Every structure is written in structure tokens, then in C-alpha cells.
């Protein structure tokens, strides 16, 4: 039963989801319609979408998820695009799998595009001249090129399980907290709130 079903029906859940079996991704704005086909690929690799939600990311969320890119010449254009357009957040499970590692390999594998990017990526051909100007921050349509290069590649995924859990807490935390209080949140996800609760106790 999906988390959404649990939330709607208020059913108490006793089982746990091991952290290693939890993964996070979000589909970028131009790839939302590809979700059904992407879900098929996930299923073929032992993964399942436990919960999905269309959201508009806040600036704070983008800053946290892309913190390693802050200060880059493309960052503000990318941030503006993500905060002005919907994405689909995915909580993915992989029973018996290192879910985040598997999901990451479907996006990018060994320095090359993984299955999902290879099939659904929408980046048009970019000339070497355009790329050179863009990398220098000197292209006459710098923001538009930034969006094309950074946001037409289907999805963002966390690089580790810890990053996945932090991202889920950041984006879906309030909803998960409500589910926890009702008793219908899978117990393993309770850890998403431990640090915050400990701070409040202090």
C-alpha cells in the first residue's frame, strides 16, 4: 500500500523500511510526462515508487540540494527555473537493494548517461562555440542556455542514502510529520525527524 493510501486511510503501519532501501529523486519540469515510462524502468531494476508528489521547490530547498553548485555561473538561472516550475518528487523503495545506488546508476553510470537519461534526455545539440561561451558566462543568451544544459537531463537524484533522507525531510517533512503523528508512517522514516526533535528537547 502506498504512503498516500496510508495517509488517506489512517492505517497504522508496523513494518519498517531499512534506510538502505530508500531513495530520492525528482523529475525536472520538462520530464514530468515521462513518469509512467520511467516507473517501468525502475520496476525492471527492482525499484518501486512508494510515494510521489508534484511540488514547487522553494529557493531554500534548491540551495540545499544544489549547494555544491552555488556560485557557479549557471546557478541563479537554474534556481529560478526550478522555483518557477513544478517537479515531481519521488520516494523510491528497493526491497533488498541499495536503492539510491541503483537509482543513481540509472541516471548516470560510469561517467556516461544511464538508461533513463539515455532514453529521455531532452538536451538539444549544443555547438562547441556555444558551450565555450556558456562556460565563460559570456553567451548572449546565458540564462536560456543554462536551463537547456542543466535542466533538460530528466531528473535529479541524491548521491547517497544520507543525502536522499535529508532531501526527503526537506521537501516532504511536514507531510511525513503529520503521518507520524497519525501512526501511519513506516517506522524507519521516523528517523527523518530525530535531529530536529532532539534540538527541540534541548
C-alpha atoms as a PDB file:
ATOM      1  CA  UNK A   1       0.000   0.000   0.000  1.00  0.00           C
ATOM      2  CA  UNK A   2       1.384   3.416  -0.938  1.00  0.00           C
ATOM      3  CA  UNK A   3       2.172   6.097   1.619  1.00  0.00           C
ATOM      4  CA  UNK A   4      -0.617   8.182   0.108  1.00  0.00           C
ATOM      5  CA  UNK A   5      -3.077   5.343   0.782  1.00  0.00           C
ATOM      6  CA  UNK A   6      -1.817   5.097   4.336  1.00  0.00           C
ATOM      7  CA  UNK A   7      -2.219   8.820   4.819  1.00  0.00           C
ATOM      8  CA  UNK A   8      -5.748   8.780   3.399  1.00  0.00           C
ATOM      9  CA  UNK A   9      -6.980   5.725   5.256  1.00  0.00           C
ATOM     10  CA  UNK A  10      -5.129   6.399   8.515  1.00  0.00           C
ATOM     11  CA  UNK A  11      -3.960   2.789   8.762  1.00  0.00           C
ATOM     12  CA  UNK A  12      -1.357   2.073  11.422  1.00  0.00           C
ATOM     13  CA  UNK A  13       1.822   0.643   9.922  1.00  0.00           C
ATOM     14  CA  UNK A  14       4.091  -1.676  11.891  1.00  0.00           C
ATOM     15  CA  UNK A  15       6.750  -2.689   9.366  1.00  0.00           C
ATOM     16  CA  UNK A  16       9.948  -0.753   8.787  1.00  0.00           C
ATOM     17  CA  UNK A  17      11.772   0.292   5.635  1.00  0.00           C
ATOM     18  CA  UNK A  18      15.552  -0.118   6.052  1.00  0.00           C
ATOM     19  CA  UNK A  19      17.363   3.102   5.206  1.00  0.00           C
ATOM     20  CA  UNK A  20      19.431   1.380   2.534  1.00  0.00           C
ATOM     21  CA  UNK A  21      16.213   0.594   0.691  1.00  0.00           C
ATOM     22  CA  UNK A  22      15.096   4.250   0.484  1.00  0.00           C
ATOM     23  CA  UNK A  23      15.990   6.526  -2.428  1.00  0.00           C
ATOM     24  CA  UNK A  24      15.115  10.039  -3.582  1.00  0.00           C
ATOM     25  CA  UNK A  25      14.824  11.756  -6.935  1.00  0.00           C
ATOM     26  CA  UNK A  26      12.793  14.430  -8.604  1.00  0.00           C
ATOM     27  CA  UNK A  27      11.781  14.669 -12.217  1.00  0.00           C
ATOM     28  CA  UNK A  28      12.673  18.000 -13.754  1.00  0.00           C
ATOM     29  CA  UNK A  29       9.950  20.214 -15.277  1.00  0.00           C
ATOM     30  CA  UNK A  30      10.320  19.094 -18.899  1.00  0.00           C
ATOM     31  CA  UNK A  31      10.211  15.388 -17.986  1.00  0.00           C
ATOM     32  CA  UNK A  32       7.038  15.118 -15.901  1.00  0.00           C
ATOM     33  CA  UNK A  33       5.107  13.371 -18.684  1.00  0.00           C
ATOM     34  CA  UNK A  34       7.791  10.672 -18.849  1.00  0.00           C
ATOM     35  CA  UNK A  35       6.965   9.370 -15.363  1.00  0.00           C
ATOM     36  CA  UNK A  36       4.954   6.283 -16.463  1.00  0.00           C
ATOM     37  CA  UNK A  37       7.789   5.025 -18.677  1.00  0.00           C
ATOM     38  CA  UNK A  38      10.425   5.906 -16.089  1.00  0.00           C
ATOM     39  CA  UNK A  39       8.465   3.967 -13.474  1.00  0.00           C
ATOM     40  CA  UNK A  40       8.569   0.899 -15.733  1.00  0.00           C
ATOM     41  CA  UNK A  41      12.365   1.124 -15.859  1.00  0.00           C
ATOM     42  CA  UNK A  42      12.551   1.481 -12.079  1.00  0.00           C
ATOM     43  CA  UNK A  43      10.373  -1.612 -11.667  1.00  0.00           C
ATOM     44  CA  UNK A  44      12.557  -3.583 -14.063  1.00  0.00           C
ATOM     45  CA  UNK A  45      15.534  -2.851 -11.809  1.00  0.00           C
ATOM     46  CA  UNK A  46      13.884  -3.835  -8.550  1.00  0.00           C
ATOM     47  CA  UNK A  47      12.749  -0.360  -7.514  1.00  0.00           C
ATOM     48  CA  UNK A  48       9.250   0.952  -6.852  1.00  0.00           C
ATOM     49  CA  UNK A  49       7.769   4.394  -6.328  1.00  0.00           C
ATOM     50  CA  UNK A  50       6.424   4.404  -2.782  1.00  0.00           C
ATOM     51  CA  UNK A  51       5.236   7.996  -2.923  1.00  0.00           C
ATOM     52  CA  UNK A  52       5.174  10.770  -5.500  1.00  0.00           C
ATOM     53  CA  UNK A  53       4.058  14.370  -5.369  1.00  0.00           C
ATOM     54  CA  UNK A  54       4.111  17.302  -7.753  1.00  0.00           C
ATOM     55  CA  UNK A  55       5.636  20.257  -5.918  1.00  0.00           C
ATOM     56  CA  UNK A  56       7.161  23.670  -6.492  1.00  0.00           C
ATOM     57  CA  UNK A  57      10.605  23.733  -4.870  1.00  0.00           C
ATOM     58  CA  UNK A  58      11.448  26.644  -2.599  1.00  0.00           C
ATOM     59  CA  UNK A  59      14.626  28.654  -3.009  1.00  0.00           C
ATOM     60  CA  UNK A  60      15.889  27.255   0.294  1.00  0.00           C
ATOM     61  CA  UNK A  61      15.345  23.706  -0.936  1.00  0.00           C
ATOM     62  CA  UNK A  62      17.201  24.336  -4.198  1.00  0.00           C
ATOM     63  CA  UNK A  63      20.067  25.960  -2.277  1.00  0.00           C
ATOM     64  CA  UNK A  64      20.387  22.898  -0.066  1.00  0.00           C
ATOM     65  CA  UNK A  65      20.074  20.253  -2.766  1.00  0.00           C
ATOM     66  CA  UNK A  66      22.445  22.048  -5.142  1.00  0.00           C
ATOM     67  CA  UNK A  67      24.748  23.550  -2.514  1.00  0.00           C
ATOM     68  CA  UNK A  68      27.853  22.314  -4.311  1.00  0.00           C
ATOM     69  CA  UNK A  69      26.834  24.334  -7.377  1.00  0.00           C
ATOM     70  CA  UNK A  70      26.214  27.628  -5.578  1.00  0.00           C
ATOM     71  CA  UNK A  71      28.408  30.347  -7.023  1.00  0.00           C
ATOM     72  CA  UNK A  72      28.627  28.688 -10.441  1.00  0.00           C
ATOM     73  CA  UNK A  73      27.802  30.904 -13.432  1.00  0.00           C
ATOM     74  CA  UNK A  74      24.646  28.906 -14.213  1.00  0.00           C
ATOM     75  CA  UNK A  75      23.298  28.678 -10.675  1.00  0.00           C
ATOM     76  CA  UNK A  76      20.853  31.582 -10.472  1.00  0.00           C
ATOM     77  CA  UNK A  77      19.240  30.720 -13.824  1.00  0.00           C
ATOM     78  CA  UNK A  78      18.886  27.088 -12.760  1.00  0.00           C
ATOM     79  CA  UNK A  79      17.451  28.076  -9.381  1.00  0.00           C
ATOM     80  CA  UNK A  80      14.958  30.447 -10.965  1.00  0.00           C
ATOM     81  CA  UNK A  81      13.788  27.766 -13.365  1.00  0.00           C
ATOM     82  CA  UNK A  82      13.272  25.183 -10.618  1.00  0.00           C
ATOM     83  CA  UNK A  83      11.418  27.549  -8.312  1.00  0.00           C
ATOM     84  CA  UNK A  84       9.049  28.715 -11.075  1.00  0.00           C
ATOM     85  CA  UNK A  85       8.108  25.302 -12.474  1.00  0.00           C
ATOM     86  CA  UNK A  86       6.716  22.115 -10.948  1.00  0.00           C
ATOM     87  CA  UNK A  87       8.793  18.998 -10.366  1.00  0.00           C
ATOM     88  CA  UNK A  88       7.690  15.523  -9.267  1.00  0.00           C
ATOM     89  CA  UNK A  89       9.353  14.334  -6.088  1.00  0.00           C
ATOM     90  CA  UNK A  90       9.813  10.584  -5.798  1.00  0.00           C
ATOM     91  CA  UNK A  91      10.303   8.482  -2.680  1.00  0.00           C
ATOM     92  CA  UNK A  92      11.628   5.250  -4.149  1.00  0.00           C
ATOM     93  CA  UNK A  93      11.989   1.906  -2.430  1.00  0.00           C
ATOM     94  CA  UNK A  94      14.114  -1.067  -3.353  1.00  0.00           C
ATOM     95  CA  UNK A  95      13.457  -4.167  -1.234  1.00  0.00           C
ATOM     96  CA  UNK A  96      16.763  -5.991  -0.840  1.00  0.00           C
ATOM     97  CA  UNK A  97      18.611  -3.326  -2.860  1.00  0.00           C
ATOM     98  CA  UNK A  98      20.913  -0.394  -2.180  1.00  0.00           C
ATOM     99  CA  UNK A  99      18.155   1.730  -3.615  1.00  0.00           C
ATOM    100  CA  UNK A 100      19.940   5.058  -4.001  1.00  0.00           C
ATOM    101  CA  UNK A 101      22.958   3.433  -5.621  1.00  0.00           C
ATOM    102  CA  UNK A 102      20.710   1.603  -8.082  1.00  0.00           C
ATOM    103  CA  UNK A 103      18.691   4.736  -8.864  1.00  0.00           C
ATOM    104  CA  UNK A 104      21.847   6.782  -9.391  1.00  0.00           C
ATOM    105  CA  UNK A 105      23.197   4.205 -11.856  1.00  0.00           C
ATOM    106  CA  UNK A 106      20.014   4.513 -13.924  1.00  0.00           C
ATOM    107  CA  UNK A 107      20.691   8.235 -14.255  1.00  0.00           C
ATOM    108  CA  UNK A 108      24.455   8.112 -14.744  1.00  0.00           C
ATOM    109  CA  UNK A 109      26.686   5.072 -14.938  1.00  0.00           C
ATOM    110  CA  UNK A 110      30.460   5.104 -15.130  1.00  0.00           C
ATOM    111  CA  UNK A 111      30.657   8.692 -16.338  1.00  0.00           C
ATOM    112  CA  UNK A 112      28.107   8.055 -19.083  1.00  0.00           C
ATOM    113  CA  UNK A 113      24.359   8.577 -19.236  1.00  0.00           C
ATOM    114  CA  UNK A 114      22.420   5.766 -17.599  1.00  0.00           C
ATOM    115  CA  UNK A 115      19.338   4.129 -19.085  1.00  0.00           C
ATOM    116  CA  UNK A 116      16.905   6.848 -18.003  1.00  0.00           C
ATOM    117  CA  UNK A 117      18.932   9.787 -19.278  1.00  0.00           C
ATOM    118  CA  UNK A 118      19.855   7.947 -22.464  1.00  0.00           C
ATOM    119  CA  UNK A 119      16.193   7.375 -23.276  1.00  0.00           C
ATOM    120  CA  UNK A 120      14.524  10.565 -22.060  1.00  0.00           C
ATOM    121  CA  UNK A 121      17.133  13.339 -22.047  1.00  0.00           C
ATOM    122  CA  UNK A 122      15.939  16.400 -23.969  1.00  0.00           C
ATOM    123  CA  UNK A 123      19.138  18.401 -24.343  1.00  0.00           C
ATOM    124  CA  UNK A 124      19.374  19.580 -27.965  1.00  0.00           C
ATOM    125  CA  UNK A 125      22.737  19.536 -29.778  1.00  0.00           C
ATOM    126  CA  UNK A 126      24.940  22.324 -28.403  1.00  0.00           C
ATOM    127  CA  UNK A 127      27.822  23.603 -30.521  1.00  0.00           C
ATOM    128  CA  UNK A 128      31.341  23.822 -29.121  1.00  0.00           C
ATOM    129  CA  UNK A 129      31.233  27.602 -29.618  1.00  0.00           C
ATOM    130  CA  UNK A 130      28.014  27.850 -27.585  1.00  0.00           C
ATOM    131  CA  UNK A 131      29.458  25.636 -24.868  1.00  0.00           C
ATOM    132  CA  UNK A 132      32.670  27.653 -24.668  1.00  0.00           C
ATOM    133  CA  UNK A 133      30.814  30.952 -24.381  1.00  0.00           C
ATOM    134  CA  UNK A 134      28.436  29.470 -21.791  1.00  0.00           C
ATOM    135  CA  UNK A 135      31.247  28.091 -19.652  1.00  0.00           C
ATOM    136  CA  UNK A 136      32.833  31.547 -19.660  1.00  0.00           C
ATOM    137  CA  UNK A 137      29.498  33.134 -18.741  1.00  0.00           C
ATOM    138  CA  UNK A 138      29.592  35.185 -21.925  1.00  0.00           C
ATOM    139  CA  UNK A 139      26.830  33.719 -24.076  1.00  0.00           C
ATOM    140  CA  UNK A 140      24.294  36.371 -25.226  1.00  0.00           C
ATOM    141  CA  UNK A 141      21.504  34.045 -24.020  1.00  0.00           C
ATOM    142  CA  UNK A 142      23.347  32.815 -20.972  1.00  0.00           C
ATOM    143  CA  UNK A 143      20.305  32.057 -18.805  1.00  0.00           C
ATOM    144  CA  UNK A 144      18.445  30.169 -21.529  1.00  0.00           C
ATOM    145  CA  UNK A 145      21.497  28.057 -22.322  1.00  0.00           C
ATOM    146  CA  UNK A 146      21.985  27.382 -18.606  1.00  0.00           C
ATOM    147  CA  UNK A 147      18.470  25.967 -18.375  1.00  0.00           C
ATOM    148  CA  UNK A 148      18.952  23.840 -21.500  1.00  0.00           C
ATOM    149  CA  UNK A 149      22.187  22.309 -20.274  1.00  0.00           C
ATOM    150  CA  UNK A 150      21.333  21.834 -16.595  1.00  0.00           C
ATOM    151  CA  UNK A 151      17.604  21.078 -16.654  1.00  0.00           C
ATOM    152  CA  UNK A 152      16.840  19.024 -19.766  1.00  0.00           C
ATOM    153  CA  UNK A 153      18.512  15.887 -18.358  1.00  0.00           C
ATOM    154  CA  UNK A 154      15.387  14.251 -16.940  1.00  0.00           C
ATOM    155  CA  UNK A 155      15.946  14.022 -13.196  1.00  0.00           C
ATOM    156  CA  UNK A 156      17.980  14.888 -10.152  1.00  0.00           C
ATOM    157  CA  UNK A 157      18.985  12.120  -7.769  1.00  0.00           C
ATOM    158  CA  UNK A 158      20.758  12.132  -4.435  1.00  0.00           C
ATOM    159  CA  UNK A 159      24.317  10.794  -4.415  1.00  0.00           C
ATOM    160  CA  UNK A 160      23.909   8.811  -1.190  1.00  0.00           C
ATOM    161  CA  UNK A 161      21.279   7.404   1.143  1.00  0.00           C
ATOM    162  CA  UNK A 162      22.034  10.102   3.712  1.00  0.00           C
ATOM    163  CA  UNK A 163      21.538  12.823   1.112  1.00  0.00           C
ATOM    164  CA  UNK A 164      18.324  11.117  -0.015  1.00  0.00           C
ATOM    165  CA  UNK A 165      16.888  11.126   3.510  1.00  0.00           C
ATOM    166  CA  UNK A 166      17.866  14.762   4.044  1.00  0.00           C
ATOM    167  CA  UNK A 167      16.200  15.788   0.771  1.00  0.00           C
ATOM    168  CA  UNK A 168      13.022  13.892   1.609  1.00  0.00           C
ATOM    169  CA  UNK A 169      12.897  15.545   5.008  1.00  0.00           C
ATOM    170  CA  UNK A 170      13.440  18.968   3.462  1.00  0.00           C
ATOM    171  CA  UNK A 171      10.725  18.639   0.807  1.00  0.00           C
ATOM    172  CA  UNK A 172       8.169  16.254   2.327  1.00  0.00           C
ATOM    173  CA  UNK A 173       8.950  16.687   6.023  1.00  0.00           C
ATOM    174  CA  UNK A 174       5.721  18.431   7.099  1.00  0.00           C
ATOM    175  CA  UNK A 175       3.531  15.774   5.454  1.00  0.00           C
ATOM    176  CA  UNK A 176       5.629  12.950   6.913  1.00  0.00           C
ATOM    177  CA  UNK A 177       5.451  14.536  10.359  1.00  0.00           C
ATOM    178  CA  UNK A 178       1.658  14.544  10.171  1.00  0.00           C
ATOM    179  CA  UNK A 179       1.671  10.904   9.135  1.00  0.00           C
ATOM    180  CA  UNK A 180       3.977  10.057  12.017  1.00  0.00           C
ATOM    181  CA  UNK A 181       1.548  11.589  14.492  1.00  0.00           C
ATOM    182  CA  UNK A 182      -1.303   9.568  12.994  1.00  0.00           C
ATOM    183  CA  UNK A 183       0.754   6.373  13.258  1.00  0.00           C
ATOM    184  CA  UNK A 184       0.681   5.553   9.562  1.00  0.00           C
ATOM    185  CA  UNK A 185       4.244   6.449   8.584  1.00  0.00           C
ATOM    186  CA  UNK A 186       6.594   3.474   8.066  1.00  0.00           C
ATOM    187  CA  UNK A 187       8.662   3.377  11.227  1.00  0.00           C
ATOM    188  CA  UNK A 188      12.079   3.602   9.567  1.00  0.00           C
ATOM    189  CA  UNK A 189      11.194   7.032   8.192  1.00  0.00           C
ATOM    190  CA  UNK A 190      10.741   8.364  11.722  1.00  0.00           C
ATOM    191  CA  UNK A 191      14.495   8.961  11.769  1.00  0.00           C
ATOM    192  CA  UNK A 192      13.934  11.798   9.320  1.00  0.00           C
ATOM    193  CA  UNK A 193      12.841  13.874  12.292  1.00  0.00           C
ATOM    194  CA  UNK A 194      15.241  12.712  15.009  1.00  0.00           C
ATOM    195  CA  UNK A 195      17.756  15.560  14.749  1.00  0.00           C
ATOM    196  CA  UNK A 196      15.023  18.189  14.765  1.00  0.00           C
ATOM    197  CA  UNK A 197      13.262  16.586  17.728  1.00  0.00           C
ATOM    198  CA  UNK A 198      16.493  16.368  19.711  1.00  0.00           C
ATOM    199  CA  UNK A 199      17.147  20.072  19.138  1.00  0.00           C
ATOM    200  CA  UNK A 200      13.651  20.912  20.381  1.00  0.00           C
ATOM    201  CA  UNK A 201      14.226  18.819  23.530  1.00  0.00           C
ATOM    202  CA  UNK A 202      17.401  20.781  24.279  1.00  0.00           C
END
